[in-house]
PDB file of N, CA and C in Angstrom:
ATOM      1  N   MET A   1     104.125 342.522  76.991  1.00  0.00           N
ATOM      2  CA  MET A   1     105.055 343.363  76.281  1.00  0.00           C
ATOM      3  C   MET A   1     104.386 344.706  75.965  1.00  0.00           C
ATOM      4  N   ILE A   2     105.144 345.752  76.104  1.00  0.00           N
ATOM      5  CA  ILE A   2     104.659 347.095  75.763  1.00  0.00           C
ATOM      6  C   ILE A   2     104.776 347.284  74.256  1.00  0.00           C
ATOM      7  N   ARG A   3     103.758 347.864  73.659  1.00  0.00           N
ATOM      8  CA  ARG A   3     103.777 348.219  72.235  1.00  0.00           C
ATOM      9  C   ARG A   3     103.804 349.742  72.154  1.00  0.00           C
ATOM     10  N   ILE A   4     104.791 350.262  71.449  1.00  0.00           N
ATOM     11  CA  ILE A   4     104.971 351.715  71.324  1.00  0.00           C
ATOM     12  C   ILE A   4     104.666 352.114  69.887  1.00  0.00           C
ATOM     13  N   ASN A   5     103.818 353.116  69.740  1.00  0.00           N
ATOM     14  CA  ASN A   5     103.432 353.593  68.415  1.00  0.00           C
ATOM     15  C   ASN A   5     104.399 354.705  67.985  1.00  0.00           C
ATOM     16  N   CYS A   6     105.466 354.317  67.296  1.00  0.00           N
ATOM     17  CA  CYS A   6     106.455 355.271  66.809  1.00  0.00           C
ATOM     18  C   CYS A   6     105.796 356.166  65.762  1.00  0.00           C
ATOM     19  N   PRO A   7     105.914 357.486  65.896  1.00  0.00           N
ATOM     20  CA  PRO A   7     105.308 358.393  64.907  1.00  0.00           C
ATOM     21  C   PRO A   7     105.880 358.217  63.498  1.00  0.00           C
ATOM     22  N   VAL A   8     107.086 357.662  63.379  1.00  0.00           N
ATOM     23  CA  VAL A   8     107.724 357.484  62.078  1.00  0.00           C
ATOM     24  C   VAL A   8     107.480 356.076  61.533  1.00  0.00           C
ATOM     25  N   CYS A   9     107.665 355.053  62.373  1.00  0.00           N
ATOM     26  CA  CYS A   9     107.641 353.654  61.921  1.00  0.00           C
ATOM     27  C   CYS A   9     106.339 352.911  62.208  1.00  0.00           C
ATOM     28  N   GLY A  10     105.487 353.459  63.042  1.00  0.00           N
ATOM     29  CA  GLY A  10     104.252 352.774  63.403  1.00  0.00           C
ATOM     30  C   GLY A  10     104.417 351.933  64.665  1.00  0.00           C
ATOM     31  N   MET A  11     103.454 351.055  64.922  1.00  0.00           N
ATOM     32  CA  MET A  11     103.427 350.249  66.136  1.00  0.00           C
ATOM     33  C   MET A  11     104.575 349.238  66.157  1.00  0.00           C
ATOM     34  N   ARG A  12     105.343 349.255  67.253  1.00  0.00           N
ATOM     35  CA  ARG A  12     106.500 348.368  67.395  1.00  0.00           C
ATOM     36  C   ARG A  12     106.572 347.837  68.829  1.00  0.00           C
ATOM     37  N   ASP A  13     107.274 346.705  69.001  1.00  0.00           N
ATOM     38  CA  ASP A  13     107.502 346.147  70.330  1.00  0.00           C
ATOM     39  C   ASP A  13     108.521 346.996  71.078  1.00  0.00           C
ATOM     40  N   GLU A  14     108.432 346.987  72.392  1.00  0.00           N
ATOM     41  CA  GLU A  14     109.358 347.776  73.212  1.00  0.00           C
ATOM     42  C   GLU A  14     110.805 347.315  73.062  1.00  0.00           C
ATOM     43  N   THR A  15     111.023 346.088  72.599  1.00  0.00           N
ATOM     44  CA  THR A  15     112.383 345.573  72.435  1.00  0.00           C
ATOM     45  C   THR A  15     113.171 346.340  71.376  1.00  0.00           C
ATOM     46  N   GLU A  16     112.465 347.091  70.515  1.00  0.00           N
ATOM     47  CA  GLU A  16     113.143 347.908  69.503  1.00  0.00           C
ATOM     48  C   GLU A  16     113.611 349.241  70.072  1.00  0.00           C
ATOM     49  N   PHE A  17     113.205 349.549  71.308  1.00  0.00           N
ATOM     50  CA  PHE A  17     113.470 350.851  71.908  1.00  0.00           C
ATOM     51  C   PHE A  17     114.401 350.726  73.100  1.00  0.00           C
ATOM     52  N   SER A  18     115.019 351.832  73.450  1.00  0.00           N
ATOM     53  CA  SER A  18     115.825 351.922  74.660  1.00  0.00           C
ATOM     54  C   SER A  18     115.298 353.092  75.481  1.00  0.00           C
ATOM     55  N   PHE A  19     115.016 352.836  76.753  1.00  0.00           N
ATOM     56  CA  PHE A  19     114.535 353.889  77.645  1.00  0.00           C
ATOM     57  C   PHE A  19     115.670 354.860  77.906  1.00  0.00           C
ATOM     58  N   ILE A  20     115.426 356.137  77.670  1.00  0.00           N
ATOM     59  CA  ILE A  20     116.461 357.151  77.892  1.00  0.00           C
ATOM     60  C   ILE A  20     116.316 357.784  79.264  1.00  0.00           C
ATOM     61  N   GLY A  21     115.078 358.098  79.647  1.00  0.00           N
ATOM     62  CA  GLY A  21     114.896 358.688  80.968  1.00  0.00           C
ATOM     63  C   GLY A  21     113.645 359.522  81.082  1.00  0.00           C
ATOM     64  N   ASP A  22     113.544 360.140  82.220  1.00  0.00           N
ATOM     65  CA  ASP A  22     112.424 360.985  82.602  1.00  0.00           C
ATOM     66  C   ASP A  22     112.417 362.254  81.750  1.00  0.00           C
ATOM     67  N   ALA A  23     111.314 362.500  81.068  1.00  0.00           N
ATOM     68  CA  ALA A  23     111.230 363.680  80.203  1.00  0.00           C
ATOM     69  C   ALA A  23     110.828 364.932  80.970  1.00  0.00           C
ATOM     70  N   THR A  24     110.537 364.796  82.260  1.00  0.00           N
ATOM     71  CA  THR A  24     110.105 365.958  83.042  1.00  0.00           C
ATOM     72  C   THR A  24     111.255 366.625  83.784  1.00  0.00           C
ATOM     73  N   VAL A  25     112.403 365.956  83.861  1.00  0.00           N
ATOM     74  CA  VAL A  25     113.556 366.514  84.576  1.00  0.00           C
ATOM     75  C   VAL A  25     114.263 367.524  83.677  1.00  0.00           C
ATOM     76  N   LYS A  26     114.530 368.690  84.211  1.00  0.00           N
ATOM     77  CA  LYS A  26     115.207 369.741  83.455  1.00  0.00           C
ATOM     78  C   LYS A  26     116.677 369.799  83.854  1.00  0.00           C
ATOM     79  N   ARG A  27     117.535 369.716  82.860  1.00  0.00           N
ATOM     80  CA  ARG A  27     118.977 369.747  83.090  1.00  0.00           C
ATOM     81  C   ARG A  27     119.430 371.171  83.407  1.00  0.00           C
ATOM     82  N   PRO A  28     120.308 371.333  84.412  1.00  0.00           N
ATOM     83  CA  PRO A  28     120.868 372.670  84.673  1.00  0.00           C
ATOM     84  C   PRO A  28     121.694 373.131  83.472  1.00  0.00           C
ATOM     85  N   THR A  29     121.843 374.407  83.311  1.00  0.00           N
ATOM     86  CA  THR A  29     122.653 374.920  82.207  1.00  0.00           C
ATOM     87  C   THR A  29     124.110 374.539  82.433  1.00  0.00           C
ATOM     88  N   ILE A  30     124.845 374.424  81.363  1.00  0.00           N
ATOM     89  CA  ILE A  30     126.234 373.962  81.417  1.00  0.00           C
ATOM     90  C   ILE A  30     127.116 374.890  82.253  1.00  0.00           C
ATOM     91  N   ASP A  31     126.793 376.171  82.293  1.00  0.00           N
ATOM     92  CA  ASP A  31     127.600 377.120  83.066  1.00  0.00           C
ATOM     93  C   ASP A  31     127.064 377.332  84.482  1.00  0.00           C
ATOM     94  N   ASP A  32     126.073 376.532  84.872  1.00  0.00           N
ATOM     95  CA  ASP A  32     125.510 376.638  86.216  1.00  0.00           C
ATOM     96  C   ASP A  32     126.508 376.038  87.211  1.00  0.00           C
ATOM     97  N   GLY A  33     127.041 376.865  88.095  1.00  0.00           N
ATOM     98  CA  GLY A  33     128.027 376.416  89.070  1.00  0.00           C
ATOM     99  C   GLY A  33     127.415 375.869  90.346  1.00  0.00           C
ATOM    100  N   ASP A  34     126.093 375.794  90.401  1.00  0.00           N
ATOM    101  CA  ASP A  34     125.403 375.297  91.589  1.00  0.00           C
ATOM    102  C   ASP A  34     125.532 373.778  91.661  1.00  0.00           C
ATOM    103  N   MET A  35     126.439 373.298  92.484  1.00  0.00           N
ATOM    104  CA  MET A  35     126.699 371.865  92.586  1.00  0.00           C
ATOM    105  C   MET A  35     125.486 371.107  93.125  1.00  0.00           C
ATOM    106  N   GLN A  36     124.689 371.733  93.967  1.00  0.00           N
ATOM    107  CA  GLN A  36     123.493 371.083  94.498  1.00  0.00           C
ATOM    108  C   GLN A  36     122.499 370.806  93.375  1.00  0.00           C
ATOM    109  N   ALA A  37     122.349 371.739  92.447  1.00  0.00           N
ATOM    110  CA  ALA A  37     121.442 371.541  91.309  1.00  0.00           C
ATOM    111  C   ALA A  37     121.921 370.379  90.445  1.00  0.00           C
ATOM    112  N   TRP A  38     123.224 370.290  90.215  1.00  0.00           N
ATOM    113  CA  TRP A  38     123.759 369.182  89.434  1.00  0.00           C
ATOM    114  C   TRP A  38     123.625 367.859  90.172  1.00  0.00           C
ATOM    115  N   TYR A  39     123.870 367.867  91.487  1.00  0.00           N
ATOM    116  CA  TYR A  39     123.711 366.659  92.286  1.00  0.00           C
ATOM    117  C   TYR A  39     122.273 366.140  92.186  1.00  0.00           C
ATOM    118  N   GLU A  40     121.311 367.028  92.344  1.00  0.00           N
ATOM    119  CA  GLU A  40     119.906 366.635  92.274  1.00  0.00           C
ATOM    120  C   GLU A  40     119.548 366.125  90.882  1.00  0.00           C
ATOM    121  N   TYR A  41     120.090 366.755  89.837  1.00  0.00           N
ATOM    122  CA  TYR A  41     119.808 366.323  88.466  1.00  0.00           C
ATOM    123  C   TYR A  41     120.352 364.916  88.191  1.00  0.00           C
ATOM    124  N   VAL A  42     121.564 364.646  88.658  1.00  0.00           N
ATOM    125  CA  VAL A  42     122.214 363.377  88.353  1.00  0.00           C
ATOM    126  C   VAL A  42     121.728 362.240  89.257  1.00  0.00           C
ATOM    127  N   PHE A  43     121.567 362.502  90.554  1.00  0.00           N
ATOM    128  CA  PHE A  43     121.358 361.412  91.498  1.00  0.00           C
ATOM    129  C   PHE A  43     119.950 361.293  92.086  1.00  0.00           C
ATOM    130  N   LEU A  44     119.217 362.364  92.174  1.00  0.00           N
ATOM    131  CA  LEU A  44     117.912 362.300  92.840  1.00  0.00           C
ATOM    132  C   LEU A  44     116.791 362.220  91.813  1.00  0.00           C
ATOM    133  N   ARG A  45     116.113 361.088  91.784  1.00  0.00           N
ATOM    134  CA  ARG A  45     115.011 360.876  90.846  1.00  0.00           C
ATOM    135  C   ARG A  45     113.805 360.347  91.588  1.00  0.00           C
ATOM    136  N   ASP A  46     112.633 360.764  91.136  1.00  0.00           N
ATOM    137  CA  ASP A  46     111.390 360.235  91.682  1.00  0.00           C
ATOM    138  C   ASP A  46     111.090 358.899  91.019  1.00  0.00           C
ATOM    139  N   ASN A  47     110.320 358.095  91.696  1.00  0.00           N
ATOM    140  CA  ASN A  47     109.832 356.840  91.141  1.00  0.00           C
ATOM    141  C   ASN A  47     108.307 356.952  91.113  1.00  0.00           C
ATOM    142  N   PRO A  48     107.769 357.641  90.097  1.00  0.00           N
ATOM    143  CA  PRO A  48     106.346 357.971  90.106  1.00  0.00           C
ATOM    144  C   PRO A  48     105.449 356.751  89.917  1.00  0.00           C
ATOM    145  N   ARG A  49     104.285 356.837  90.505  1.00  0.00           N
ATOM    146  CA  ARG A  49     103.259 355.821  90.317  1.00  0.00           C
ATOM    147  C   ARG A  49     102.119 356.526  89.595  1.00  0.00           C
ATOM    148  N   GLY A  50     101.792 356.035  88.413  1.00  0.00           N
ATOM    149  CA  GLY A  50     100.732 356.656  87.628  1.00  0.00           C
ATOM    150  C   GLY A  50     101.272 357.187  86.315  1.00  0.00           C
ATOM    151  N   GLU A  51     100.614 358.193  85.786  1.00  0.00           N
ATOM    152  CA  GLU A  51     100.997 358.753  84.489  1.00  0.00           C
ATOM    153  C   GLU A  51     102.364 359.419  84.576  1.00  0.00           C
ATOM    154  N   HIS A  52     103.180 359.157  83.561  1.00  0.00           N
ATOM    155  CA  HIS A  52     104.533 359.703  83.547  1.00  0.00           C
ATOM    156  C   HIS A  52     104.961 359.963  82.105  1.00  0.00           C
ATOM    157  N   VAL A  53     105.814 360.967  81.906  1.00  0.00           N
ATOM    158  CA  VAL A  53     106.318 361.310  80.583  1.00  0.00           C
ATOM    159  C   VAL A  53     107.783 360.889  80.502  1.00  0.00           C
ATOM    160  N   GLU A  54     108.107 360.106  79.467  1.00  0.00           N
ATOM    161  CA  GLU A  54     109.439 359.525  79.343  1.00  0.00           C
ATOM    162  C   GLU A  54     109.992 359.721  77.936  1.00  0.00           C
ATOM    163  N   HIS A  55     111.310 359.635  77.828  1.00  0.00           N
ATOM    164  CA  HIS A  55     111.966 359.631  76.521  1.00  0.00           C
ATOM    165  C   HIS A  55     112.433 358.215  76.203  1.00  0.00           C
ATOM    166  N   TRP A  56     112.162 357.775  74.973  1.00  0.00           N
ATOM    167  CA  TRP A  56     112.603 356.475  74.471  1.00  0.00           C
ATOM    168  C   TRP A  56     113.312 356.703  73.141  1.00  0.00           C
ATOM    169  N   LEU A  57     114.377 355.957  72.883  1.00  0.00           N
ATOM    170  CA  LEU A  57     115.103 356.023  71.613  1.00  0.00           C
ATOM    171  C   LEU A  57     114.733 354.801  70.787  1.00  0.00           C
ATOM    172  N   HIS A  58     114.326 355.006  69.542  1.00  0.00           N
ATOM    173  CA  HIS A  58     113.974 353.888  68.658  1.00  0.00           C
ATOM    174  C   HIS A  58     115.270 353.349  68.048  1.00  0.00           C
ATOM    175  N   VAL A  59     115.947 352.507  68.811  1.00  0.00           N
ATOM    176  CA  VAL A  59     117.269 351.990  68.467  1.00  0.00           C
ATOM    177  C   VAL A  59     117.238 351.146  67.198  1.00  0.00           C
ATOM    178  N   HIS A  60     116.264 350.248  67.090  1.00  0.00           N
ATOM    179  CA  HIS A  60     116.208 349.318  65.957  1.00  0.00           C
ATOM    180  C   HIS A  60     115.206 349.783  64.910  1.00  0.00           C
ATOM    181  N   GLY A  61     115.126 351.072  64.727  1.00  0.00           N
ATOM    182  CA  GLY A  61     114.203 351.633  63.751  1.00  0.00           C
ATOM    183  C   GLY A  61     114.743 352.941  63.211  1.00  0.00           C
ATOM    184  N   CYS A  62     113.977 353.985  63.380  1.00  0.00           N
ATOM    185  CA  CYS A  62     114.294 355.287  62.786  1.00  0.00           C
ATOM    186  C   CYS A  62     115.333 356.093  63.574  1.00  0.00           C
ATOM    187  N   ARG A  63     115.741 355.619  64.771  1.00  0.00           N
ATOM    188  CA  ARG A  63     116.733 356.285  65.626  1.00  0.00           C
ATOM    189  C   ARG A  63     116.256 357.626  66.162  1.00  0.00           C
ATOM    190  N   GLN A  64     114.954 357.835  66.185  1.00  0.00           N
ATOM    191  CA  GLN A  64     114.386 359.074  66.707  1.00  0.00           C
ATOM    192  C   GLN A  64     114.129 358.947  68.205  1.00  0.00           C
ATOM    193  N   VAL A  65     114.227 360.078  68.918  1.00  0.00           N
ATOM    194  CA  VAL A  65     113.845 360.123  70.329  1.00  0.00           C
ATOM    195  C   VAL A  65     112.352 360.419  70.368  1.00  0.00           C
ATOM    196  N   ILE A  66     111.631 359.611  71.134  1.00  0.00           N
ATOM    197  CA  ILE A  66     110.175 359.708  71.199  1.00  0.00           C
ATOM    198  C   ILE A  66     109.767 360.034  72.627  1.00  0.00           C
ATOM    199  N   THR A  67     108.852 360.978  72.774  1.00  0.00           N
ATOM    200  CA  THR A  67     108.278 361.301  74.070  1.00  0.00           C
ATOM    201  C   THR A  67     107.031 360.452  74.249  1.00  0.00           C
ATOM    202  N   VAL A  68     107.029 359.646  75.308  1.00  0.00           N
ATOM    203  CA  VAL A  68     105.943 358.701  75.560  1.00  0.00           C
ATOM    204  C   VAL A  68     105.272 359.066  76.880  1.00  0.00           C
ATOM    205  N   ARG A  69     103.948 359.184  76.858  1.00  0.00           N
ATOM    206  CA  ARG A  69     103.176 359.381  78.085  1.00  0.00           C
ATOM    207  C   ARG A  69     102.617 358.010  78.453  1.00  0.00           C
ATOM    208  N   ARG A  70     103.120 357.446  79.583  1.00  0.00           N
ATOM    209  CA  ARG A  70     102.815 356.067  79.958  1.00  0.00           C
ATOM    210  C   ARG A  70     102.397 355.990  81.416  1.00  0.00           C
ATOM    211  N   HIS A  71     101.466 355.074  81.716  1.00  0.00           N
ATOM    212  CA  HIS A  71     101.070 354.805  83.092  1.00  0.00           C
ATOM    213  C   HIS A  71     102.046 353.775  83.643  1.00  0.00           C
ATOM    214  N   THR A  72     102.740 354.092  84.720  1.00  0.00           N
ATOM    215  CA  THR A  72     103.811 353.229  85.216  1.00  0.00           C
ATOM    216  C   THR A  72     103.317 351.959  85.895  1.00  0.00           C
ATOM    217  N   VAL A  73     102.041 351.883  86.241  1.00  0.00           N
ATOM    218  CA  VAL A  73     101.510 350.679  86.881  1.00  0.00           C
ATOM    219  C   VAL A  73     100.940 349.725  85.836  1.00  0.00           C
ATOM    220  N   THR A  74     100.118 350.243  84.937  1.00  0.00           N
ATOM    221  CA  THR A  74      99.469 349.397  83.933  1.00  0.00           C
ATOM    222  C   THR A  74     100.265 349.301  82.638  1.00  0.00           C
ATOM    223  N   HIS A  75     101.240 350.163  82.452  1.00  0.00           N
ATOM    224  CA  HIS A  75     102.062 350.269  81.239  1.00  0.00           C
ATOM    225  C   HIS A  75     101.238 350.685  80.016  1.00  0.00           C
ATOM    226  N   GLU A  76     100.037 351.180  80.242  1.00  0.00           N
ATOM    227  CA  GLU A  76      99.215 351.673  79.137  1.00  0.00           C
ATOM    228  C   GLU A  76      99.817 352.974  78.617  1.00  0.00           C
ATOM    229  N   ILE A  77      99.965 353.049  77.299  1.00  0.00           N
ATOM    230  CA  ILE A  77     100.547 354.235  76.679  1.00  0.00           C
ATOM    231  C   ILE A  77      99.431 355.126  76.163  1.00  0.00           C
ATOM    232  N   GLU A  78      99.436 356.368  76.645  1.00  0.00           N
ATOM    233  CA  GLU A  78      98.426 357.340  76.252  1.00  0.00           C
ATOM    234  C   GLU A  78      98.793 358.051  74.950  1.00  0.00           C
ATOM    235  N   SER A  79     100.061 358.413  74.814  1.00  0.00           N
ATOM    236  CA  SER A  79     100.467 359.131  73.603  1.00  0.00           C
ATOM    237  C   SER A  79     101.954 358.957  73.340  1.00  0.00           C
ATOM    238  N   CYS A  80     102.314 359.106  72.063  1.00  0.00           N
ATOM    239  CA  CYS A  80     103.712 359.054  71.614  1.00  0.00           C
ATOM    240  C   CYS A  80     103.890 360.147  70.578  1.00  0.00           C
ATOM    241  N   GLU A  81     104.968 360.897  70.683  1.00  0.00           N
ATOM    242  CA  GLU A  81     105.285 361.912  69.680  1.00  0.00           C
ATOM    243  C   GLU A  81     106.786 362.098  69.624  1.00  0.00           C
ATOM    244  N   LEU A  82     107.254 362.624  68.519  1.00  0.00           N
ATOM    245  CA  LEU A  82     108.681 362.904  68.393  1.00  0.00           C
ATOM    246  C   LEU A  82     109.066 363.951  69.435  1.00  0.00           C
ATOM    247  N   ALA A  83     110.176 363.743  70.106  1.00  0.00           N
ATOM    248  CA  ALA A  83     110.624 364.679  71.143  1.00  0.00           C
ATOM    249  C   ALA A  83     110.865 366.056  70.540  1.00  0.00           C
ATOM    250  N   SER A  84     111.313 366.116  69.304  1.00  0.00           N
ATOM    251  CA  SER A  84     111.562 367.408  68.659  1.00  0.00           C
ATOM    252  C   SER A  84     110.263 368.186  68.455  1.00  0.00           C
ATOM    253  N   GLU A  85     109.156 367.498  68.277  1.00  0.00           N
ATOM    254  CA  GLU A  85     107.861 368.150  68.105  1.00  0.00           C
ATOM    255  C   GLU A  85     107.180 368.421  69.431  1.00  0.00           C
ATOM    256  N   ALA A  86     107.580 367.700  70.481  1.00  0.00           N
ATOM    257  CA  ALA A  86     106.974 367.860  71.799  1.00  0.00           C
ATOM    258  C   ALA A  86     107.622 369.001  72.572  1.00  0.00           C
ATOM    259  N   GLY A  87     108.687 369.560  72.018  1.00  0.00           N
ATOM    260  CA  GLY A  87     109.383 370.658  72.697  1.00  0.00           C
ATOM    261  C   GLY A  87     110.252 370.163  73.836  1.00  0.00           C
ATOM    262  N   GLN A  88     110.643 368.907  73.806  1.00  0.00           N
ATOM    263  CA  GLN A  88     111.425 368.315  74.884  1.00  0.00           C
ATOM    264  C   GLN A  88     112.882 368.376  74.510  1.00  0.00           C
TER     265      GLN A  88
END
């Protein structure tokens, strides 16, 4: 089981969280009429091996979005911070 160190609530099991998605993908602006950019944002995702930055929602806790830097093979978590403080 993955243990996530919530900056607000402390160390918790991953079952308290919901994976939101890749924190490295940038959403096109709402007025961007480039359909290819929207297609790539919605449908094309990498499946990285190694260190990756992700967003998780602490569903059964403080309800904060947390930016987690995690190794996708070993599931070792390097860092956790509030997404609002990470600039995400």
